[in-house]
Protein backbone atom coordinates (compact mmCIF):
# COMPACT_ATOMS: atom_id res chain seq x y z
CA UNK A 1 88.13 166.77 56.44
CA UNK A 2 86.13 163.93 54.87
CA UNK A 3 87.72 160.66 54.33
CA UNK A 4 86.44 160.98 50.34
CA UNK A 5 88.72 164.21 50.22
CA UNK A 6 91.73 162.11 51.80
CA UNK A 7 91.26 158.99 49.48
CA UNK A 8 91.00 161.63 46.50
CA UNK A 9 94.54 163.23 47.30
CA UNK A 10 95.96 159.55 47.85
CA UNK A 11 94.65 158.47 44.15
CA UNK A 12 95.80 161.96 42.54
CA UNK A 13 99.54 161.42 44.18
CA UNK A 14 99.46 157.98 42.81
CA UNK A 15 97.96 159.11 39.65
CA UNK A 16 100.93 161.69 38.86
CA UNK A 17 103.72 158.95 39.48
CA UNK A 18 104.67 159.98 42.90
CA UNK A 19 106.29 157.18 44.75
CA UNK A 20 103.99 154.98 47.14
CA UNK A 21 106.07 156.04 50.25
CA UNK A 22 105.77 160.04 49.21
CA UNK A 23 102.22 159.56 48.11
CA UNK A 24 101.25 158.07 51.69
CA UNK A 25 103.29 160.55 53.57
CA UNK A 26 101.68 163.85 51.77
CA UNK A 27 98.26 161.93 52.19
CA UNK A 28 98.77 161.55 55.92
CA UNK A 29 100.22 165.08 56.49
CA UNK A 30 96.99 166.71 54.08
CA UNK A 31 94.53 166.60 57.07
CA UNK A 32 97.18 168.54 59.45
CA UNK A 33 96.41 171.66 57.07
CA UNK A 34 92.94 171.77 57.76
CA UNK A 35 92.30 170.09 61.21
CA UNK A 36 94.08 170.03 64.46
CA UNK A 37 94.18 166.29 64.46
CA UNK A 38 98.00 165.94 64.56
CA UNK A 39 101.07 168.06 63.86
CA UNK A 40 104.21 167.26 61.67
CA UNK A 41 106.20 166.21 64.66
CA UNK A 42 103.05 163.85 65.59
CA UNK A 43 103.74 162.21 62.01
CA UNK A 44 107.45 162.01 62.54
CA UNK A 45 106.67 160.16 65.68
CA UNK A 46 104.21 157.76 64.39
CA UNK A 47 106.64 156.83 61.45
CA UNK A 48 109.29 155.82 64.17
CA UNK A 49 106.83 154.08 66.16
CA UNK A 50 106.09 152.04 63.32
CA UNK A 51 109.22 151.15 62.33
CA UNK A 52 110.61 150.45 65.82
CA UNK A 53 109.47 146.79 65.84
CA UNK A 54 111.57 143.73 66.98
CA UNK A 55 109.07 141.64 64.46
CA UNK A 56 110.03 143.90 61.64
CA UNK A 57 113.56 143.09 61.94
CA UNK A 58 112.65 139.44 60.20
CA UNK A 59 112.28 141.59 57.08
CA UNK A 60 116.12 142.49 56.50
CA UNK A 61 117.30 139.61 57.62
CA UNK A 62 115.25 137.38 55.35
CA UNK A 63 115.89 139.63 52.57
CA UNK A 64 119.91 139.27 53.47
CA UNK A 65 119.80 135.30 53.55
CA UNK A 66 117.66 135.15 50.27
CA UNK A 67 120.46 137.30 48.40
CA UNK A 68 123.20 134.88 50.28
CA UNK A 69 121.60 132.02 48.90
CA UNK A 70 120.95 133.35 45.58
CA UNK A 71 124.35 134.28 45.01
CA UNK A 72 125.63 130.64 46.72
CA UNK A 73 123.64 128.79 43.83
CA UNK A 74 121.31 127.31 46.25
CA UNK A 75 118.64 127.40 43.48
CA UNK A 76 120.57 125.40 41.12
CA UNK A 77 121.10 122.51 43.72
CA UNK A 78 117.25 122.46 44.50
CA UNK A 79 116.52 122.17 40.88
CA UNK A 80 118.64 119.19 40.09
CA UNK A 81 116.92 117.49 43.38
CA UNK A 82 113.32 117.93 42.24
CA UNK A 83 114.71 117.49 38.24
CA UNK A 84 116.27 113.86 39.29
CA UNK A 85 112.62 112.72 40.45
CA UNK A 86 110.23 114.67 38.13
CA UNK A 87 112.21 114.96 34.86
CA UNK A 88 111.26 111.97 32.94
CA UNK A 89 107.22 112.23 33.39
CA UNK A 90 105.15 114.48 31.45
CA UNK A 91 105.54 118.12 32.09
CA UNK A 92 107.98 117.05 34.70
CA UNK A 93 110.56 119.79 33.94
CA UNK A 94 108.17 122.46 34.42
CA UNK A 95 107.03 121.02 37.51
CA UNK A 96 110.59 121.03 39.11
CA UNK A 97 110.86 124.52 38.40
CA UNK A 98 107.64 125.15 40.40
CA UNK A 99 108.68 123.00 43.23
CA UNK A 100 111.94 124.76 43.13
CA UNK A 101 110.28 128.05 43.55
CA UNK A 102 108.12 126.71 46.35
CA UNK A 103 111.07 125.51 48.40
CA UNK A 104 113.07 128.72 47.29
CA UNK A 105 110.30 130.70 48.60
CA UNK A 106 110.80 129.09 52.02
CA UNK A 107 114.07 130.76 52.06
CA UNK A 108 114.16 134.16 50.38
CA UNK A 109 110.17 134.85 51.44
CA UNK A 110 110.20 137.41 48.36
CA UNK A 111 108.16 136.72 45.12
CA UNK A 112 110.93 138.92 42.94
CA UNK A 113 113.67 137.25 44.46
CA UNK A 114 112.43 134.05 43.65
CA UNK A 115 111.94 134.75 40.08
CA UNK A 116 115.24 136.40 39.68
CA UNK A 117 117.38 133.31 41.51
CA UNK A 118 115.31 130.40 39.99
CA UNK A 119 114.42 131.89 36.51
CA UNK A 120 117.92 132.90 35.76
CA UNK A 121 119.21 129.53 36.41
CA UNK A 122 116.05 127.22 35.17
CA UNK A 123 114.87 129.42 32.06
CA UNK A 124 118.37 128.66 30.14
CA UNK A 125 117.91 125.13 31.02
CA UNK A 126 114.12 124.49 29.78
CA UNK A 127 114.92 126.64 26.56
CA UNK A 128 117.76 123.99 25.79
CA UNK A 129 115.45 121.39 26.08
CA UNK A 130 112.88 122.63 23.67
CA UNK A 131 110.45 124.21 25.74
CA UNK A 132 108.80 127.69 24.25
CA UNK A 133 110.29 130.91 25.53
CA UNK A 134 106.75 132.09 26.24
CA UNK A 135 105.85 129.23 28.36
CA UNK A 136 109.03 128.96 30.11
CA UNK A 137 109.47 132.60 31.24
CA UNK A 138 105.45 132.48 32.36
CA UNK A 139 105.92 129.40 34.33
CA UNK A 140 108.74 131.03 36.39
CA UNK A 141 106.88 134.33 36.62
CA UNK A 142 103.68 132.69 38.35
CA UNK A 143 105.71 130.06 40.29
CA UNK A 144 107.77 132.82 41.60
CA UNK A 145 104.50 134.25 43.60
CA UNK A 146 105.03 131.18 45.85
CA UNK A 147 107.90 132.91 47.47
CA UNK A 148 104.98 135.25 49.51
CA UNK A 149 102.78 132.31 50.30
CA UNK A 150 105.00 129.63 51.48
CA UNK A 151 106.52 130.64 54.86
CA UNK A 152 108.72 132.56 55.89
CA UNK A 153 106.97 135.42 54.06
CA UNK A 154 107.90 139.03 54.01
CA UNK A 155 104.07 140.00 53.31
CA UNK A 156 102.95 137.90 56.11
CA UNK A 157 105.22 139.76 58.63
CA UNK A 158 104.16 143.25 57.35
CA UNK A 159 100.29 141.82 57.67
CA UNK A 160 101.26 140.93 61.25
CA UNK A 161 102.64 144.41 61.73
CA UNK A 162 99.56 146.11 60.48
CA UNK A 163 96.97 143.62 62.40
CA UNK A 164 98.26 143.21 66.14
CA UNK A 165 95.57 140.38 66.48
CA UNK A 166 97.87 137.87 64.06
CA UNK A 167 101.06 136.46 65.29
CA UNK A 168 103.86 135.77 62.69
CA UNK A 169 104.23 132.33 63.40
CA UNK A 170 100.56 131.47 63.21
CA UNK A 171 100.69 132.97 59.64
CA UNK A 172 103.83 131.34 58.79
CA UNK A 173 102.06 127.73 59.63
CA UNK A 174 98.58 128.82 57.71
CA UNK A 175 100.52 129.49 54.72
CA UNK A 176 101.97 126.03 54.39
CA UNK A 177 99.10 124.20 52.85
CA UNK A 178 97.89 127.20 50.60
CA UNK A 179 101.49 127.09 49.13
CA UNK A 180 101.31 123.86 48.29
CA UNK A 181 97.72 123.74 47.04
CA UNK A 182 98.64 126.70 44.57
CA UNK A 183 101.79 124.77 43.57
CA UNK A 184 99.65 121.89 42.72
CA UNK A 185 97.32 123.73 40.84
CA UNK A 186 100.09 125.45 38.64
CA UNK A 187 101.68 121.51 38.16
CA UNK A 188 98.37 120.66 36.67
CA UNK A 189 98.43 123.59 33.91
CA UNK A 190 101.91 122.61 33.26
CA UNK A 191 101.53 118.98 32.72
CA UNK A 192 98.36 119.66 30.82
CA UNK A 193 100.49 122.15 28.26
CA UNK A 194 103.30 119.60 27.85
CA UNK A 195 100.69 116.89 27.09
CA UNK A 196 98.85 118.92 24.63
CA UNK A 197 101.95 120.75 22.85
CA UNK A 198 104.43 117.69 23.13
CA UNK A 199 108.03 117.66 24.83
CA UNK A 200 111.34 116.81 23.43
CA UNK A 201 111.85 113.46 25.48
CA UNK A 202 115.06 112.57 23.68
CA UNK A 203 116.77 115.99 25.24
CA UNK A 204 115.06 115.37 28.46
CA UNK A 205 116.27 111.97 29.01
CA UNK A 206 119.66 112.91 28.18
CA UNK A 207 119.44 115.93 30.74
CA UNK A 208 117.61 113.64 33.22
CA UNK A 209 120.21 110.63 32.45
CA UNK A 210 123.16 112.62 33.32
CA UNK A 211 121.72 113.39 36.90
CA UNK A 212 120.73 109.89 37.08
CA UNK A 213 124.45 108.50 36.28
CA UNK A 214 125.68 110.55 38.97
CA UNK A 215 123.11 108.61 41.35
CA UNK A 216 120.64 109.52 44.18
CA UNK A 217 123.09 109.62 47.00
CA UNK A 218 125.22 112.23 45.03
CA UNK A 219 122.51 114.39 43.93
CA UNK A 220 120.76 114.47 47.68
CA UNK A 221 124.11 115.04 49.09
CA UNK A 222 124.79 117.73 46.87
CA UNK A 223 121.17 119.40 47.37
CA UNK A 224 121.15 118.39 51.18
CA UNK A 225 122.30 121.84 52.66
CA UNK A 226 119.93 123.51 50.32
CA UNK A 227 116.94 121.30 51.67
CA UNK A 228 118.14 121.81 55.03
CA UNK A 229 117.57 125.54 55.01
CA UNK A 230 113.76 125.81 54.81
CA UNK A 231 113.78 123.12 57.89
CA UNK A 232 116.12 125.10 59.93
CA UNK A 233 114.18 128.46 59.41
CA UNK A 234 110.69 126.97 60.03
CA UNK A 235 111.73 124.07 62.39
CA UNK A 236 113.33 126.64 64.88
CA UNK A 237 110.05 128.70 64.91
CA UNK A 238 107.55 125.82 65.27
CA UNK A 239 109.65 123.87 67.62
CA UNK A 240 109.70 126.99 70.00
CA UNK A 241 113.46 127.34 69.88
CA UNK A 242 113.47 130.89 68.22
CA UNK A 243 111.09 133.47 67.17
CA UNK A 244 110.45 134.51 63.73
CA UNK A 245 113.20 137.24 64.17
CA UNK A 246 115.67 135.25 65.69
CA UNK A 247 115.03 132.55 62.97
CA UNK A 248 115.75 134.66 60.18
CA UNK A 249 119.02 135.90 62.21
CA UNK A 250 119.98 132.00 62.21
CA UNK A 251 119.21 131.87 58.82
CA UNK A 252 121.57 134.49 57.69
CA UNK A 253 124.61 132.94 59.54
CA UNK A 254 123.43 129.30 57.90
CA UNK A 255 123.51 130.95 54.39
CA UNK A 256 127.03 132.45 54.85
CA UNK A 257 128.28 128.93 56.39
CA UNK A 258 126.56 127.01 53.37
CA UNK A 259 127.93 129.81 50.72
CA UNK A 260 131.46 130.11 52.37
CA UNK A 261 132.56 126.74 53.55
CA UNK A 262 130.39 123.98 52.17
CA UNK A 263 129.51 124.63 48.55
CA UNK A 264 132.39 127.31 48.34
CA UNK A 265 130.57 129.52 45.76
CA UNK A 266 131.02 132.71 47.92
CA UNK A 267 134.21 134.44 48.85
CA UNK A 268 134.91 136.63 51.69
CA UNK A 269 134.84 139.50 49.06
CA UNK A 270 131.29 138.81 48.03
CA UNK A 271 129.93 139.74 51.40
CA UNK A 272 130.28 143.52 51.20
CA UNK A 273 128.38 143.46 48.03
CA UNK A 274 125.82 141.38 49.31
CA UNK A 275 125.21 143.68 52.39
CA UNK A 276 124.91 146.60 50.33
CA UNK A 277 122.23 145.03 47.76
CA UNK A 278 120.25 143.97 50.97
CA UNK A 279 120.37 147.50 52.42
CA UNK A 280 119.49 149.03 48.97
CA UNK A 281 116.24 146.46 48.88
CA UNK A 282 115.44 147.05 52.36
CA UNK A 283 115.67 150.95 52.68
CA UNK A 284 112.94 151.74 50.12
CA UNK A 285 110.41 149.39 52.01
CA UNK A 286 111.28 150.82 55.33
CA UNK A 287 110.15 154.49 54.03
CA UNK A 288 106.92 152.59 53.07
CA UNK A 289 106.53 151.01 56.44
CA UNK A 290 107.20 154.26 58.58
CA UNK A 291 104.86 156.33 56.20
CA UNK A 292 102.08 153.51 56.27
CA UNK A 293 102.10 153.35 60.11
CA UNK A 294 101.53 157.11 60.07
CA UNK A 295 98.83 156.75 57.59
CA UNK A 296 97.15 153.78 59.63
CA UNK A 297 97.07 156.30 62.41
CA UNK A 298 95.41 159.04 60.87
CA UNK A 299 92.63 156.86 59.49
CA UNK A 300 92.36 155.47 62.95
CA UNK A 301 91.93 158.89 64.17
CA UNK A 302 89.26 159.79 61.25
CA UNK A 303 87.43 156.53 62.40
CA UNK A 304 87.52 155.58 58.38
CA UNK A 305 87.76 151.60 59.13
CA UNK A 306 84.45 152.22 61.29
CA UNK A 307 82.82 153.85 58.69
CA UNK A 308 83.50 151.25 56.21
CA UNK A 309 82.72 148.32 58.13
CA UNK A 310 79.29 149.94 59.19
CA UNK A 311 78.59 150.97 55.39
CA UNK A 312 79.56 147.50 54.36
CA UNK A 313 77.53 145.58 56.76
CA UNK A 314 74.49 147.68 56.42
CA UNK A 315 74.71 147.53 52.73
CA UNK A 316 75.75 143.98 51.86
CA UNK A 317 73.87 141.38 54.44
CA UNK A 318 75.45 138.32 53.54
CA UNK A 319 78.98 137.04 54.55
CA UNK A 320 79.45 135.84 50.72
CA UNK A 321 78.85 139.23 49.30
CA UNK A 322 81.14 141.10 51.83
CA UNK A 323 83.86 138.27 51.11
CA UNK A 324 83.58 138.81 47.36
CA UNK A 325 83.64 142.70 47.53
CA UNK A 326 86.69 142.73 49.93
CA UNK A 327 88.53 140.10 47.57
CA UNK A 328 87.46 142.20 44.38
CA UNK A 329 89.04 145.19 46.21
CA UNK A 330 92.32 143.48 47.03
CA UNK A 331 92.50 141.96 43.47
CA UNK A 332 92.34 145.47 41.65
CA UNK A 333 94.46 146.97 44.28
CA UNK A 334 97.09 144.28 43.85
CA UNK A 335 97.13 145.24 40.08
CA UNK A 336 97.99 149.01 40.52
CA UNK A 337 100.25 148.71 43.92
CA UNK A 338 103.00 146.65 45.17
CA UNK A 339 101.75 143.91 47.63
CA UNK A 340 103.71 145.21 50.85
CA UNK A 341 102.40 148.67 50.76
CA UNK A 342 98.81 147.34 49.80
CA UNK A 343 99.05 145.03 53.04
CA UNK A 344 100.05 148.15 55.10
CA UNK A 345 97.45 150.50 53.75
CA UNK A 346 94.61 147.95 53.41
CA UNK A 347 94.49 145.95 56.37
CA UNK A 348 93.39 148.48 58.98
CA UNK A 349 90.63 149.41 56.45
CA UNK A 350 89.36 145.86 55.83
CA UNK A 351 90.05 144.04 58.76
CA UNK A 352 87.27 145.59 60.96
CA UNK A 353 84.88 144.54 57.84
CA UNK A 354 85.85 140.90 57.63
CA UNK A 355 85.76 140.83 61.45
CA UNK A 356 82.26 141.98 61.77
CA UNK A 357 81.30 138.60 59.65
CA UNK A 358 83.24 136.52 61.86
CA UNK A 359 86.45 135.97 59.87
CA UNK A 360 89.50 134.63 61.61
CA UNK A 361 92.33 137.07 61.58
CA UNK A 362 94.60 134.37 60.26
CA UNK A 363 92.45 133.33 57.44
CA UNK A 364 92.05 136.78 56.51
CA UNK A 365 95.60 137.29 56.37
CA UNK A 366 96.39 134.17 54.22
CA UNK A 367 93.20 135.41 51.77
CA UNK A 368 94.88 138.71 51.65
CA UNK A 369 98.59 137.73 50.93
CA UNK A 370 97.33 135.07 48.43
CA UNK A 371 95.28 137.76 46.48
CA UNK A 372 97.69 140.30 46.38
CA UNK A 373 100.24 137.55 45.14
CA UNK A 374 98.07 137.33 42.39
CA UNK A 375 98.92 140.88 41.70
CA UNK A 376 102.84 140.16 41.21
CA UNK A 377 101.90 138.79 37.88
CA UNK A 378 99.01 141.39 36.71
CA UNK A 379 99.72 144.18 34.96
CA UNK A 380 100.33 147.20 35.01
CA UNK A 381 102.56 146.85 38.21
CA UNK A 382 102.92 143.19 38.30
CA UNK A 383 106.78 142.96 39.21
CA UNK A 384 107.49 139.51 38.64
CA UNK A 385 106.64 140.52 34.92
CA UNK A 386 109.35 142.86 34.65
CA UNK A 387 111.88 140.55 36.45
CA UNK A 388 110.92 137.69 34.37
CA UNK A 389 111.17 139.91 31.42
CA UNK A 390 114.28 140.81 32.21
CA UNK A 391 115.51 137.42 33.08
CA UNK A 392 113.73 135.56 30.00
CA UNK A 393 114.38 138.53 27.59
CA UNK A 394 110.77 138.56 26.38
CA UNK A 395 108.46 141.77 26.25
CA UNK A 396 106.59 142.29 29.44
CA UNK A 397 103.11 142.37 27.52
CA UNK A 398 104.27 139.00 25.80
CA UNK A 399 104.71 137.18 29.49
CA UNK A 400 101.83 138.77 30.76
CA UNK A 401 99.58 137.42 28.06
CA UNK A 402 100.80 133.86 28.65
CA UNK A 403 100.55 133.80 32.39
CA UNK A 404 96.77 134.24 31.81
CA UNK A 405 96.10 130.24 32.24
CA UNK A 406 98.05 130.08 35.19
CA UNK A 407 96.12 133.06 36.91
CA UNK A 408 93.01 131.45 36.15
CA UNK A 409 94.18 128.45 38.35
CA UNK A 410 95.63 130.82 40.92
CA UNK A 411 92.12 132.24 41.22
CA UNK A 412 90.51 128.90 41.38
CA UNK A 413 92.99 128.20 44.52
CA UNK A 414 91.83 131.80 46.00
CA UNK A 415 88.23 130.95 45.85
CA UNK A 416 88.93 127.77 47.58
CA UNK A 417 90.98 129.24 50.24
CA UNK A 418 88.17 131.87 50.82
CA UNK A 419 85.23 129.48 51.00
CA UNK A 420 86.93 126.68 53.07
CA UNK A 421 88.81 128.16 56.06
CA UNK A 422 90.47 124.89 57.10
CA UNK A 423 92.75 125.12 54.28
CA UNK A 424 94.53 127.59 55.97
CA UNK A 425 93.60 126.89 59.50
CA UNK A 426 93.91 123.02 59.73
CA UNK A 427 97.86 123.18 60.86
CA UNK A 428 96.99 125.63 63.68
């Protein structure tokens, strides 16, 4: 069976709206009807081997801790802290939203979760301060993508699963500077927009003034436990105290302690619904993980990565051209497929291509995650658009239209990350 036929089957299954996990399963099983490459029992074995990983345990743990933090109102504490410092400068309130998303991403590791948790709290605040709904909702939608770039990041864990050459700890370290770079680019547009269109300084000064009346010490102490969360998670990893999986488990217990005993925003009766929600969130991803692992085996058996790598390196003779083609592929795939499945499916295919031109595995991982993060806010599949649309009560296409200036700056940051590897690698 030819690789082209396998690709056609996969595209057809997606085109008829079959779920991604089922589409990957059908595509993986299809060669078995024409060749003796492997049997159905082999497919099942590959699926089980794919999810039987200690590293992957970090994903449900980060999902669970993120949901606990969301229910515990952590995003509100973070926003108040950054609002205290940034609120009175031009564009300060939208910038506080961006920075809140940055720090909340270091708790949840998920873009949609960041949009939902931060957006549900900050959008009403900014609307009351006179900011246009379109600008407010689009800001939250794009800033939410920082949730998969700033560590800990679920897509980074998935990349390390698909590329055994990369370590989760190194990926987390490499994501810090790109995350702050992108946040800075988003803040630049927010400030430009506010200077150009004006702000209601009277309402803003009243809002921020109420925080200043409480005093820095009180605001800081209220926000302290929320700010400490990413320090504990990342500090335990970088300090060699815990592996990423163990740090994810620590984050769950920390989130419970903060929510139940410190902020007291959670009650014991809330724990079971939170656990159920985390299982409902992770279960569909688990099926994708298993089927993607089997799909990676079949494309390796059929030597598809080698074929593509040979074709790319013989057709395009410059590293720049190859990286350009790879990023164009990632960009368009991100528009039609969720980032997690895209990473699992494309990493085994594209990694040999970029490895052949001397790209570092960590640099490529950050490149892939940042590129696919743009897909969270590009139609037709951009999940952040749908979450922000629901939270901000705007049509999806209206949100999509207003995120375009942000996406342009996101792409500028991506180009810098691709062209200058040290942006990703300087902390390693």
